[in-house]
Amino acid sequence: MAGHKHRRGQATVELALLYGLVMMPLLFGFIYLAQLLWVWHSIVEFTRDGARYAATHCWQADANNVMQYMYANVPANVDQVEFQLGGSAAINVAYSELDPGGSGQLIPFACVGSVCEPDAVTVSVTGYQFQHYVLLLKSIAIPPFPTSQAMGSAGYDQTGTCTP
């Protein structure tokens, strides 16, 4: 019976060690991974939505119409403000056209004449580093997820008027 007296707190100490050294880091690791995957998925959808918008709206040399749309329609995620305020994450919009030489390759778009209609658009997000929730871990560079889309109506209506 004397042996029981000395082992009464052993289970409590084992539980505290297990909880503090295994369960809590595992829980925080799952939360961190879930947030990372949430941001990852939202950036993919963000670039897809921007490319769809750009393909169906008028070309502008500075892509201001696409940028304004994207800043106003950032999907919900833990770093939503980072994309809305144009922090370290940069939105890139690049228009391209088929090579007039007949190679079938896309080349950067150059507007010639009064009607400017590119053949494709590519939207990407660069410079974003995921470092949220656990500041002790190294930040994770998120790929740019370039999304290309063939131009649709390009914002032109039946009368040939382009509205951004």
C-alpha atoms as a PDB file:
ATOM      1  CA  MET A   1       0.000   0.000   0.000  1.00  0.00           C
ATOM      2  CA  ALA A   2       2.898   2.309   0.606  1.00  0.00           C
ATOM      3  CA  GLY A   3       3.877   2.011  -3.090  1.00  0.00           C
ATOM      4  CA  HIS A   4       0.502   3.418  -4.188  1.00  0.00           C
ATOM      5  CA  LYS A   5       1.037   6.548  -2.176  1.00  0.00           C
ATOM      6  CA  HIS A   6       4.108   7.557  -4.184  1.00  0.00           C
ATOM      7  CA  ARG A   7       2.481   6.899  -7.616  1.00  0.00           C
ATOM      8  CA  ARG A   8      -0.711   8.935  -7.150  1.00  0.00           C
ATOM      9  CA  GLY A   9       0.486  11.933  -9.194  1.00  0.00           C
ATOM     10  CA  GLN A  10       2.237   9.892 -11.863  1.00  0.00           C
ATOM     11  CA  ALA A  11      -0.805   9.743 -14.159  1.00  0.00           C
ATOM     12  CA  THR A  12      -1.327  13.471 -13.851  1.00  0.00           C
ATOM     13  CA  VAL A  13       2.296  14.189 -14.717  1.00  0.00           C
ATOM     14  CA  GLU A  14       2.167  11.784 -17.688  1.00  0.00           C
ATOM     15  CA  LEU A  15      -1.022  13.427 -18.957  1.00  0.00           C
ATOM     16  CA  ALA A  16       0.484  16.910 -18.588  1.00  0.00           C
ATOM     17  CA  LEU A  17       3.626  15.860 -20.455  1.00  0.00           C
ATOM     18  CA  LEU A  18       1.659  14.142 -23.219  1.00  0.00           C
ATOM     19  CA  TYR A  19      -0.704  17.093 -23.569  1.00  0.00           C
ATOM     20  CA  GLY A  20       2.031  19.730 -23.493  1.00  0.00           C
ATOM     21  CA  LEU A  21       4.618  17.990 -25.641  1.00  0.00           C
ATOM     22  CA  VAL A  22       2.473  16.045 -28.112  1.00  0.00           C
ATOM     23  CA  MET A  23      -1.197  17.021 -28.210  1.00  0.00           C
ATOM     24  CA  MET A  24      -0.881  20.845 -28.179  1.00  0.00           C
ATOM     25  CA  PRO A  25       1.816  21.040 -30.902  1.00  0.00           C
ATOM     26  CA  LEU A  26      -0.164  18.552 -32.984  1.00  0.00           C
ATOM     27  CA  LEU A  27      -3.345  20.614 -32.589  1.00  0.00           C
ATOM     28  CA  PHE A  28      -1.573  23.852 -33.520  1.00  0.00           C
ATOM     29  CA  GLY A  29       0.078  22.098 -36.453  1.00  0.00           C
ATOM     30  CA  PHE A  30      -3.325  20.998 -37.790  1.00  0.00           C
ATOM     31  CA  ILE A  31      -4.687  24.525 -37.415  1.00  0.00           C
ATOM     32  CA  TYR A  32      -1.641  25.975 -39.199  1.00  0.00           C
ATOM     33  CA  LEU A  33      -1.958  23.468 -42.043  1.00  0.00           C
ATOM     34  CA  ALA A  34      -5.685  24.158 -42.363  1.00  0.00           C
ATOM     35  CA  GLN A  35      -5.054  27.898 -42.634  1.00  0.00           C
ATOM     36  CA  LEU A  36      -2.306  27.340 -45.202  1.00  0.00           C
ATOM     37  CA  LEU A  37      -4.573  25.169 -47.352  1.00  0.00           C
ATOM     38  CA  TRP A  38      -7.403  27.702 -47.006  1.00  0.00           C
ATOM     39  CA  VAL A  39      -5.170  30.524 -48.288  1.00  0.00           C
ATOM     40  CA  TRP A  40      -3.714  28.266 -50.992  1.00  0.00           C
ATOM     41  CA  HIS A  41      -7.172  27.392 -52.326  1.00  0.00           C
ATOM     42  CA  SER A  42      -8.429  30.974 -52.143  1.00  0.00           C
ATOM     43  CA  ILE A  43      -5.437  32.259 -54.163  1.00  0.00           C
ATOM     44  CA  VAL A  44      -6.112  29.655 -56.852  1.00  0.00           C
ATOM     45  CA  GLU A  45      -9.756  30.769 -57.042  1.00  0.00           C
ATOM     46  CA  PHE A  46      -8.669  34.418 -56.914  1.00  0.00           C
ATOM     47  CA  THR A  47      -6.476  34.106 -60.017  1.00  0.00           C
ATOM     48  CA  ARG A  48      -9.135  32.090 -61.863  1.00  0.00           C
ATOM     49  CA  ASP A  49     -11.788  34.683 -61.131  1.00  0.00           C
ATOM     50  CA  GLY A  50      -9.475  37.500 -62.219  1.00  0.00           C
ATOM     51  CA  ALA A  51      -8.673  35.736 -65.498  1.00  0.00           C
ATOM     52  CA  ARG A  52     -12.376  35.147 -66.197  1.00  0.00           C
ATOM     53  CA  TYR A  53     -13.111  38.810 -65.534  1.00  0.00           C
ATOM     54  CA  ALA A  54     -10.228  40.001 -67.725  1.00  0.00           C
ATOM     55  CA  ALA A  55     -11.306  37.716 -70.586  1.00  0.00           C
ATOM     56  CA  THR A  56     -14.783  39.201 -70.671  1.00  0.00           C
ATOM     57  CA  HIS A  57     -13.953  42.872 -70.129  1.00  0.00           C
ATOM     58  CA  CYS A  58     -12.154  45.499 -72.168  1.00  0.00           C
ATOM     59  CA  TRP A  59      -8.407  45.525 -72.479  1.00  0.00           C
ATOM     60  CA  GLN A  60      -6.760  48.468 -70.774  1.00  0.00           C
ATOM     61  CA  ALA A  61      -3.037  49.097 -71.053  1.00  0.00           C
ATOM     62  CA  ASP A  62      -2.632  49.336 -67.280  1.00  0.00           C
ATOM     63  CA  ALA A  63      -5.211  46.577 -66.563  1.00  0.00           C
ATOM     64  CA  ASN A  64      -6.753  48.937 -64.036  1.00  0.00           C
ATOM     65  CA  ASN A  65     -10.267  47.560 -64.532  1.00  0.00           C
ATOM     66  CA  VAL A  66      -9.089  44.023 -63.731  1.00  0.00           C
ATOM     67  CA  MET A  67      -7.030  45.169 -60.740  1.00  0.00           C
ATOM     68  CA  GLN A  68      -9.948  47.131 -59.272  1.00  0.00           C
ATOM     69  CA  TYR A  69     -12.233  44.133 -59.699  1.00  0.00           C
ATOM     70  CA  MET A  70      -9.738  41.809 -58.043  1.00  0.00           C
ATOM     71  CA  TYR A  71      -9.082  44.148 -55.094  1.00  0.00           C
ATOM     72  CA  ALA A  72     -12.835  44.396 -54.552  1.00  0.00           C
ATOM     73  CA  ASN A  73     -13.414  40.625 -54.809  1.00  0.00           C
ATOM     74  CA  VAL A  74     -10.694  38.996 -52.722  1.00  0.00           C
ATOM     75  CA  PRO A  75     -12.022  35.671 -51.429  1.00  0.00           C
ATOM     76  CA  ALA A  76     -12.348  35.272 -47.678  1.00  0.00           C
ATOM     77  CA  ASN A  77      -9.184  33.951 -46.045  1.00  0.00           C
ATOM     78  CA  VAL A  78      -6.987  34.710 -43.049  1.00  0.00           C
ATOM     79  CA  ASP A  79      -4.805  37.133 -45.067  1.00  0.00           C
ATOM     80  CA  GLN A  80      -7.583  38.798 -47.053  1.00  0.00           C
ATOM     81  CA  VAL A  81      -6.349  42.277 -46.118  1.00  0.00           C
ATOM     82  CA  GLU A  82      -2.913  41.465 -47.560  1.00  0.00           C
ATOM     83  CA  PHE A  83      -4.496  41.151 -51.007  1.00  0.00           C
ATOM     84  CA  GLN A  84      -7.001  43.989 -50.678  1.00  0.00           C
ATOM     85  CA  LEU A  85      -4.456  46.619 -49.707  1.00  0.00           C
ATOM     86  CA  GLY A  86      -1.816  45.457 -52.158  1.00  0.00           C
ATOM     87  CA  GLY A  87       0.719  44.511 -49.487  1.00  0.00           C
ATOM     88  CA  SER A  88       3.546  42.164 -50.366  1.00  0.00           C
ATOM     89  CA  ALA A  89       1.212  40.194 -52.639  1.00  0.00           C
ATOM     90  CA  ALA A  90       1.218  41.658 -56.155  1.00  0.00           C
ATOM     91  CA  ILE A  91      -1.452  40.981 -58.760  1.00  0.00           C
ATOM     92  CA  ASN A  92      -0.061  40.597 -62.284  1.00  0.00           C
ATOM     93  CA  VAL A  93      -2.184  40.830 -65.426  1.00  0.00           C
ATOM     94  CA  ALA A  94      -0.527  40.089 -68.770  1.00  0.00           C
ATOM     95  CA  TYR A  95      -2.297  40.114 -72.119  1.00  0.00           C
ATOM     96  CA  SER A  96      -0.957  38.180 -75.099  1.00  0.00           C
ATOM     97  CA  GLU A  97      -1.705  37.579 -78.754  1.00  0.00           C
ATOM     98  CA  LEU A  98      -0.929  34.867 -81.273  1.00  0.00           C
ATOM     99  CA  ASP A  99       2.326  35.382 -83.102  1.00  0.00           C
ATOM    100  CA  PRO A 100       1.460  36.988 -86.449  1.00  0.00           C
ATOM    101  CA  GLY A 101       4.364  35.041 -87.965  1.00  0.00           C
ATOM    102  CA  GLY A 102       2.239  31.891 -87.776  1.00  0.00           C
ATOM    103  CA  SER A 103       4.262  30.013 -85.157  1.00  0.00           C
ATOM    104  CA  GLY A 104       1.156  29.510 -83.015  1.00  0.00           C
ATOM    105  CA  GLN A 105       2.990  30.854 -79.946  1.00  0.00           C
ATOM    106  CA  LEU A 106       1.585  33.526 -77.649  1.00  0.00           C
ATOM    107  CA  ILE A 107       3.593  36.735 -77.522  1.00  0.00           C
ATOM    108  CA  PRO A 108       3.077  39.873 -75.388  1.00  0.00           C
ATOM    109  CA  PHE A 109       0.158  41.920 -76.674  1.00  0.00           C
ATOM    110  CA  ALA A 110       0.797  45.220 -78.456  1.00  0.00           C
ATOM    111  CA  CYS A 111      -2.229  47.327 -79.328  1.00  0.00           C
ATOM    112  CA  VAL A 112      -2.181  48.468 -82.945  1.00  0.00           C
ATOM    113  CA  GLY A 113      -5.063  50.510 -84.346  1.00  0.00           C
ATOM    114  CA  SER A 114      -8.238  51.722 -82.708  1.00  0.00           C
ATOM    115  CA  VAL A 115      -9.643  48.324 -81.672  1.00  0.00           C
ATOM    116  CA  CYS A 116      -7.415  46.457 -79.249  1.00  0.00           C
ATOM    117  CA  GLU A 117      -8.360  42.822 -78.756  1.00  0.00           C
ATOM    118  CA  PRO A 118      -5.779  40.510 -77.231  1.00  0.00           C
ATOM    119  CA  ASP A 119      -6.110  36.753 -77.721  1.00  0.00           C
ATOM    120  CA  ALA A 120      -5.431  35.633 -74.137  1.00  0.00           C
ATOM    121  CA  VAL A 121      -4.851  36.922 -70.634  1.00  0.00           C
ATOM    122  CA  THR A 122      -2.803  35.539 -67.746  1.00  0.00           C
ATOM    123  CA  VAL A 123      -3.406  36.551 -64.143  1.00  0.00           C
ATOM    124  CA  SER A 124      -1.091  35.619 -61.279  1.00  0.00           C
ATOM    125  CA  VAL A 125      -0.294  36.607 -57.697  1.00  0.00           C
ATOM    126  CA  THR A 126       3.380  36.955 -56.785  1.00  0.00           C
ATOM    127  CA  GLY A 127       5.341  37.798 -53.685  1.00  0.00           C
ATOM    128  CA  TYR A 128       2.987  36.334 -51.097  1.00  0.00           C
ATOM    129  CA  GLN A 129       4.574  34.632 -48.084  1.00  0.00           C
ATOM    130  CA  PHE A 130       2.340  32.665 -45.719  1.00  0.00           C
ATOM    131  CA  GLN A 131       3.394  33.245 -42.135  1.00  0.00           C
ATOM    132  CA  HIS A 132       0.356  33.287 -39.988  1.00  0.00           C
ATOM    133  CA  TYR A 133      -0.515  31.945 -36.594  1.00  0.00           C
ATOM    134  CA  VAL A 134       2.832  30.345 -35.778  1.00  0.00           C
ATOM    135  CA  LEU A 135       5.554  32.978 -35.988  1.00  0.00           C
ATOM    136  CA  LEU A 136       8.285  30.544 -34.996  1.00  0.00           C
ATOM    137  CA  LEU A 137       7.986  28.612 -38.247  1.00  0.00           C
ATOM    138  CA  LYS A 138       9.622  29.738 -41.445  1.00  0.00           C
ATOM    139  CA  SER A 139       7.341  31.561 -43.882  1.00  0.00           C
ATOM    140  CA  ILE A 140       6.087  29.565 -46.856  1.00  0.00           C
ATOM    141  CA  ALA A 141       6.311  31.092 -50.333  1.00  0.00           C
ATOM    142  CA  ILE A 142       3.064  30.507 -52.192  1.00  0.00           C
ATOM    143  CA  PRO A 143       3.453  29.857 -55.951  1.00  0.00           C
ATOM    144  CA  PRO A 144       2.050  32.507 -58.324  1.00  0.00           C
ATOM    145  CA  PHE A 145      -0.677  30.192 -59.707  1.00  0.00           C
ATOM    146  CA  PRO A 146      -0.751  31.788 -63.173  1.00  0.00           C
ATOM    147  CA  THR A 147      -4.140  31.313 -64.768  1.00  0.00           C
ATOM    148  CA  SER A 148      -4.512  31.842 -68.513  1.00  0.00           C
ATOM    149  CA  GLN A 149      -7.805  32.346 -70.267  1.00  0.00           C
ATOM    150  CA  ALA A 150      -8.660  32.856 -73.930  1.00  0.00           C
ATOM    151  CA  MET A 151     -10.389  36.160 -74.483  1.00  0.00           C
ATOM    152  CA  GLY A 152     -14.148  35.864 -74.638  1.00  0.00           C
ATOM    153  CA  SER A 153     -16.241  38.842 -75.623  1.00  0.00           C
ATOM    154  CA  ALA A 154     -13.482  41.138 -74.322  1.00  0.00           C
ATOM    155  CA  GLY A 155     -16.209  43.523 -73.190  1.00  0.00           C
ATOM    156  CA  TYR A 156     -17.522  44.347 -76.656  1.00  0.00           C
ATOM    157  CA  ASP A 157     -21.275  44.428 -77.198  1.00  0.00           C
ATOM    158  CA  GLN A 158     -23.140  43.879 -80.482  1.00  0.00           C
ATOM    159  CA  THR A 159     -22.503  47.485 -81.589  1.00  0.00           C
ATOM    160  CA  GLY A 160     -18.743  47.170 -81.144  1.00  0.00           C
ATOM    161  CA  THR A 161     -18.628  49.359 -78.059  1.00  0.00           C
ATOM    162  CA  CYS A 162     -16.252  48.253 -75.331  1.00  0.00           C
ATOM    163  CA  THR A 163     -17.268  48.986 -71.759  1.00  0.00           C
ATOM    164  CA  PRO A 164     -14.800  48.204 -68.974  1.00  0.00           C
END
